[in-house]
């Protein structure tokens, strides 16, 4: 099951607002913050580590929407989020799971949250050497690693970050840029 594409920034903002009080696991046994708080934390971390990459920041904000769209589908949540927002924001939202698999294969010091460690297996496990080499060669490799590292760090209960509405201009710029790129404009 996939979700229909999100047609506008207004619709996306409404969906994100609806993630308050929604958790990555239906029984709340997963990460310690809700999907909205997690997305806001990840986007805030990316605004610091990649200040000139608003697409990555937007990806951080929306990367876990799939948990809300199709509850309980750990393996597919990244794909569900990407399918829903790709037409509006572009394809980079789907990078966090491949980056997790890459880091699990290449970073012996990787410390995943208990929930991320639990779900690694259903998401394909650590990458093979061939998969890792192909991932490293991709154009979004550095952004994917930044997104994943922010994903791992953005799970702090009570952390105060920018409110959702403050992200609207970023989402509008990313959507406008993606629309121009898709139409062949400059």
Protein backbone atom coordinates (compact mmCIF):
# COMPACT_ATOMS: atom_id res chain seq x y z
CA UNK A 1 0.00 0.00 0.00
CA UNK A 2 1.31 3.44 -0.89
CA UNK A 3 -0.08 6.89 -0.30
CA UNK A 4 -1.26 9.20 -3.03
CA UNK A 5 1.11 12.05 -3.89
CA UNK A 6 0.90 15.15 -1.72
CA UNK A 7 -0.14 17.94 -4.10
CA UNK A 8 0.93 21.10 -2.29
CA UNK A 9 2.97 22.59 0.53
CA UNK A 10 -0.30 23.39 2.32
CA UNK A 11 -1.32 19.72 2.19
CA UNK A 12 2.14 18.67 3.34
CA UNK A 13 2.05 21.11 6.26
CA UNK A 14 -1.32 19.68 7.29
CA UNK A 15 0.01 16.14 7.12
CA UNK A 16 3.10 17.09 9.14
CA UNK A 17 0.96 18.82 11.77
CA UNK A 18 -1.05 15.60 11.98
CA UNK A 19 2.13 13.76 13.00
CA UNK A 20 2.03 15.34 16.47
CA UNK A 21 1.28 12.52 18.87
CA UNK A 22 1.89 9.86 16.18
CA UNK A 23 4.75 7.45 16.82
CA UNK A 24 7.02 5.36 14.62
CA UNK A 25 5.49 2.21 16.11
CA UNK A 26 1.76 1.94 16.77
CA UNK A 27 2.38 0.70 20.34
CA UNK A 28 4.88 3.53 21.10
CA UNK A 29 7.66 1.02 21.83
CA UNK A 30 10.00 2.67 19.30
CA UNK A 31 11.74 6.01 19.40
CA UNK A 32 11.06 8.32 22.37
CA UNK A 33 9.67 11.28 20.38
CA UNK A 34 6.69 11.53 18.04
CA UNK A 35 7.12 11.77 14.27
CA UNK A 36 6.62 15.54 14.16
CA UNK A 37 9.11 16.26 16.93
CA UNK A 38 11.62 13.87 15.35
CA UNK A 39 11.28 15.49 11.91
CA UNK A 40 11.67 18.97 13.38
CA UNK A 41 14.81 17.90 15.25
CA UNK A 42 16.33 16.23 12.16
CA UNK A 43 15.58 19.28 9.98
CA UNK A 44 17.10 21.59 12.63
CA UNK A 45 20.27 19.49 12.79
CA UNK A 46 20.55 19.54 8.99
CA UNK A 47 20.06 23.32 8.97
CA UNK A 48 23.26 23.48 11.03
CA UNK A 49 25.31 20.77 9.27
CA UNK A 50 24.09 21.58 5.71
CA UNK A 51 22.91 25.21 5.85
CA UNK A 52 23.00 25.63 2.07
CA UNK A 53 21.10 22.42 1.31
CA UNK A 54 17.41 23.13 1.85
CA UNK A 55 16.46 19.93 0.01
CA UNK A 56 18.28 17.92 2.68
CA UNK A 57 16.58 19.96 5.41
CA UNK A 58 13.18 19.29 3.84
CA UNK A 59 14.05 15.61 3.58
CA UNK A 60 14.88 15.62 7.28
CA UNK A 61 11.52 17.16 8.08
CA UNK A 62 9.48 14.63 6.07
CA UNK A 63 11.62 11.46 6.01
CA UNK A 64 9.49 9.51 8.50
CA UNK A 65 6.04 10.48 7.18
CA UNK A 66 5.69 6.89 5.98
CA UNK A 67 5.18 5.79 9.59
CA UNK A 68 2.03 7.95 9.66
CA UNK A 69 0.87 7.09 6.14
CA UNK A 70 1.19 3.31 6.54
CA UNK A 71 1.50 2.49 10.26
CA UNK A 72 3.52 -0.59 11.13
CA UNK A 73 5.39 -0.93 7.81
CA UNK A 74 8.97 -0.53 9.03
CA UNK A 75 10.55 -1.90 5.88
CA UNK A 76 8.55 0.38 3.60
CA UNK A 77 8.19 3.60 5.57
CA UNK A 78 10.96 5.38 3.65
CA UNK A 79 9.43 4.38 0.33
CA UNK A 80 5.95 5.45 1.43
CA UNK A 81 7.26 8.88 2.45
CA UNK A 82 9.25 9.25 -0.77
CA UNK A 83 6.28 8.26 -2.93
CA UNK A 84 4.07 10.77 -1.17
CA UNK A 85 6.44 13.77 -1.44
CA UNK A 86 8.65 13.08 -4.46
CA UNK A 87 6.41 14.93 -6.91
CA UNK A 88 6.41 17.97 -4.63
CA UNK A 89 9.94 17.99 -3.15
CA UNK A 90 12.04 15.59 -5.23
CA UNK A 91 13.49 12.15 -4.50
CA UNK A 92 16.01 12.83 -1.74
CA UNK A 93 13.62 11.96 1.12
CA UNK A 94 14.25 8.25 0.53
CA UNK A 95 17.94 8.44 1.43
CA UNK A 96 17.83 7.72 5.17
CA UNK A 97 17.34 3.94 5.00
CA UNK A 98 20.05 3.26 2.40
CA UNK A 99 22.38 5.48 4.46
CA UNK A 100 21.54 3.50 7.61
CA UNK A 101 22.33 0.25 5.80
CA UNK A 102 25.58 1.76 4.46
CA UNK A 103 26.73 2.98 7.87
CA UNK A 104 25.81 -0.35 9.47
CA UNK A 105 28.19 -1.99 6.99
CA UNK A 106 31.03 0.54 7.08
CA UNK A 107 31.09 2.29 10.47
CA UNK A 108 32.07 -0.08 13.30
CA UNK A 109 31.37 2.68 15.83
CA UNK A 110 27.80 3.25 14.63
CA UNK A 111 25.44 3.53 17.58
CA UNK A 112 21.85 3.07 16.45
CA UNK A 113 18.92 3.68 18.76
CA UNK A 114 17.35 0.42 19.97
CA UNK A 115 14.46 0.89 17.53
CA UNK A 116 16.77 1.60 14.57
CA UNK A 117 18.87 -1.44 15.44
CA UNK A 118 15.73 -3.58 15.66
CA UNK A 119 14.43 -2.48 12.26
CA UNK A 120 17.73 -2.75 10.36
CA UNK A 121 17.07 -6.38 9.48
CA UNK A 122 13.64 -5.81 7.94
CA UNK A 123 15.13 -2.92 5.93
CA UNK A 124 17.70 -5.16 4.23
CA UNK A 125 20.45 -5.32 6.86
CA UNK A 126 23.94 -3.91 6.35
CA UNK A 127 24.88 -3.31 2.72
CA UNK A 128 27.09 -5.74 0.89
CA UNK A 129 30.46 -4.39 -0.29
CA UNK A 130 29.06 -4.01 -3.82
CA UNK A 131 25.97 -2.15 -2.55
CA UNK A 132 28.16 0.11 -0.42
CA UNK A 133 30.43 0.94 -3.36
CA UNK A 134 27.44 1.81 -5.54
CA UNK A 135 25.94 3.95 -2.77
CA UNK A 136 29.25 5.83 -2.30
CA UNK A 137 29.27 6.65 -6.01
CA UNK A 138 25.80 8.21 -5.91
CA UNK A 139 25.38 11.97 -6.28
CA UNK A 140 23.62 12.32 -2.92
CA UNK A 141 26.07 10.27 -0.84
CA UNK A 142 27.20 13.10 1.47
CA UNK A 143 23.66 14.41 1.94
CA UNK A 144 22.40 10.91 2.68
CA UNK A 145 25.01 10.41 5.41
CA UNK A 146 24.20 13.81 6.91
CA UNK A 147 20.49 12.94 6.89
CA UNK A 148 21.13 9.59 8.56
CA UNK A 149 23.40 11.05 11.23
CA UNK A 150 20.79 13.71 11.98
CA UNK A 151 18.12 10.97 12.01
CA UNK A 152 20.08 9.10 14.67
CA UNK A 153 20.64 12.26 16.75
CA UNK A 154 17.16 13.78 16.43
CA UNK A 155 15.44 11.72 19.12
CA UNK A 156 15.82 13.93 22.20
CA UNK A 157 12.79 14.17 24.47
CA UNK A 158 11.95 17.79 25.29
CA UNK A 159 14.44 19.40 22.88
CA UNK A 160 13.21 22.83 21.81
CA UNK A 161 13.53 23.49 18.08
CA UNK A 162 11.91 25.76 15.51
CA UNK A 163 8.14 25.27 15.16
CA UNK A 164 6.67 23.56 12.13
CA UNK A 165 5.29 26.73 10.56
CA UNK A 166 8.80 28.22 10.40
CA UNK A 167 9.67 25.51 7.84
CA UNK A 168 6.95 26.56 5.38
CA UNK A 169 9.25 28.97 3.43
CA UNK A 170 11.90 26.23 3.09
CA UNK A 171 9.33 23.73 1.81
CA UNK A 172 7.94 26.36 -0.59
CA UNK A 173 11.41 27.11 -1.99
CA UNK A 174 12.25 23.41 -2.39
CA UNK A 175 8.88 22.74 -4.06
CA UNK A 176 9.33 25.73 -6.41
CA UNK A 177 12.86 24.62 -7.28
CA UNK A 178 11.68 21.07 -7.95
CA UNK A 179 8.81 22.37 -10.12
CA UNK A 180 11.23 24.51 -12.16
CA UNK A 181 13.63 21.60 -12.59
CA UNK A 182 10.79 19.33 -13.67
CA UNK A 183 9.51 21.84 -16.24
CA UNK A 184 12.93 22.38 -17.77
CA UNK A 185 13.13 25.95 -16.45
CA UNK A 186 16.13 27.58 -14.84
